[in-house]
Protein backbone atom coordinates (compact mmCIF):
# COMPACT_ATOMS: atom_id res chain seq x y z
CA UNK A 1 104.95 91.39 95.61
CA UNK A 2 103.76 94.92 94.98
CA UNK A 3 103.52 97.84 97.39
CA UNK A 4 101.61 101.05 96.81
CA UNK A 5 102.02 104.55 98.24
CA UNK A 6 99.68 107.45 97.56
CA UNK A 7 99.91 111.15 98.20
CA UNK A 8 96.67 113.05 97.86
CA UNK A 9 95.88 116.75 97.69
CA UNK A 10 99.49 117.81 97.03
CA UNK A 11 99.76 121.46 96.04
CA UNK A 12 101.63 120.85 92.79
CA UNK A 13 100.28 121.05 89.26
CA UNK A 14 99.87 117.54 87.77
CA UNK A 15 101.72 118.40 84.55
CA UNK A 16 104.80 119.50 86.48
CA UNK A 17 104.78 116.37 88.66
CA UNK A 18 104.45 114.17 85.57
CA UNK A 19 107.64 115.68 84.11
CA UNK A 20 109.60 114.34 87.09
CA UNK A 21 107.74 111.00 87.14
CA UNK A 22 108.99 110.30 83.61
CA UNK A 23 112.54 110.20 84.99
CA UNK A 24 111.86 107.31 87.38
CA UNK A 25 109.30 105.20 85.49
CA UNK A 26 110.39 101.51 85.09
CA UNK A 27 113.73 102.05 86.83
CA UNK A 28 115.28 100.28 89.82
CA UNK A 29 114.49 102.05 93.07
CA UNK A 30 118.11 102.93 93.85
CA UNK A 31 118.55 104.61 90.45
CA UNK A 32 115.24 106.42 90.94
CA UNK A 33 116.44 107.87 94.25
CA UNK A 34 119.70 108.95 92.61
CA UNK A 35 117.84 110.66 89.76
CA UNK A 36 115.48 112.44 92.14
CA UNK A 37 118.27 113.75 94.34
CA UNK A 38 119.79 115.61 91.36
CA UNK A 39 116.52 116.88 89.86
CA UNK A 40 116.11 120.65 90.33
CA UNK A 41 112.30 120.61 90.46
CA UNK A 42 110.14 121.33 93.49
CA UNK A 43 108.02 118.24 93.01
CA UNK A 44 111.08 115.95 93.18
CA UNK A 45 110.99 116.16 96.98
CA UNK A 46 107.33 115.11 97.04
CA UNK A 47 108.00 112.17 94.71
CA UNK A 48 111.05 111.10 96.72
CA UNK A 49 108.96 111.07 99.91
CA UNK A 50 106.21 109.02 98.28
CA UNK A 51 108.74 106.59 96.76
CA UNK A 52 110.35 106.11 100.16
CA UNK A 53 106.92 105.34 101.60
CA UNK A 54 106.26 102.75 98.87
CA UNK A 55 109.60 101.06 99.58
CA UNK A 56 108.77 101.01 103.31
CA UNK A 57 105.37 99.51 102.53
CA UNK A 58 107.18 96.75 100.64
CA UNK A 59 109.22 96.09 103.80
CA UNK A 60 112.55 96.71 102.09
CA UNK A 61 113.69 100.03 103.52
CA UNK A 62 117.13 98.65 104.42
CA UNK A 63 117.65 96.38 101.38
CA UNK A 64 116.32 97.83 98.12
CA UNK A 65 117.88 95.24 95.80
CA UNK A 66 115.62 93.76 93.11
CA UNK A 67 113.01 96.46 93.78
CA UNK A 68 111.72 98.39 90.79
CA UNK A 69 109.27 101.23 90.16
CA UNK A 70 106.59 99.28 88.31
CA UNK A 71 104.00 102.01 87.82
CA UNK A 72 103.67 105.64 88.75
CA UNK A 73 101.03 108.14 87.75
CA UNK A 74 99.57 111.45 88.74
CA UNK A 75 95.97 112.57 88.54
CA UNK A 76 94.21 115.89 88.92
CA UNK A 77 92.93 116.83 92.33
CA UNK A 78 90.43 119.54 93.17
CA UNK A 79 91.20 123.06 92.00
CA UNK A 80 91.17 126.00 94.38
CA UNK A 81 89.60 129.00 92.71
CA UNK A 82 91.04 132.33 93.85
CA UNK A 83 90.63 135.97 92.84
CA UNK A 84 93.31 138.54 92.11
CA UNK A 85 92.62 142.26 91.85
CA UNK A 86 92.24 143.48 88.30
CA UNK A 87 91.87 146.86 86.61
CA UNK A 88 88.98 149.20 87.47
CA UNK A 89 88.06 147.29 90.62
CA UNK A 90 87.35 143.99 88.87
CA UNK A 91 88.40 140.58 90.10
CA UNK A 92 90.51 138.31 87.93
CA UNK A 93 90.14 134.58 88.67
CA UNK A 94 93.06 132.17 88.80
CA UNK A 95 93.33 128.53 89.81
CA UNK A 96 95.56 126.73 92.30
CA UNK A 97 95.95 123.16 91.10
CA UNK A 98 96.38 120.03 93.20
CA UNK A 99 97.33 116.48 92.32
CA UNK A 100 97.01 112.90 93.54
CA UNK A 101 100.24 110.89 93.18
CA UNK A 102 100.47 107.06 93.17
CA UNK A 103 103.66 104.98 93.04
CA UNK A 104 103.73 101.15 92.79
CA UNK A 105 106.98 99.28 93.47
CA UNK A 106 107.63 95.57 93.20
CA UNK A 107 110.19 92.88 92.57
CA UNK A 108 111.98 92.85 89.23
CA UNK A 109 111.14 89.14 88.95
CA UNK A 110 107.43 89.94 89.23
CA UNK A 111 107.75 92.75 86.68
CA UNK A 112 109.34 90.44 84.09
CA UNK A 113 106.36 88.06 84.06
């Protein structure tokens, strides 16, 4: 059985979130939580929250045995375009990036098939 959790419009750049997702891909859920608790990145907290939601959606919040992170990916969300003051009264544009995060967990038995 698979369970999915999504976080949309998170104010993190997708490339930075993907760096942390590589640590937990295809790992048991308990090891993924351990890895995230020692990761010194800001997006680790977001991923940990989403992973906890996926485990709760699977109905295994108390007993996480035989539960594995089957798939996890991040996509680009909308970009906020902002202006910063530049020289001689000009405006310099910069972008605030957002991401959409998806985590799929399931049984290890299902993943082996």
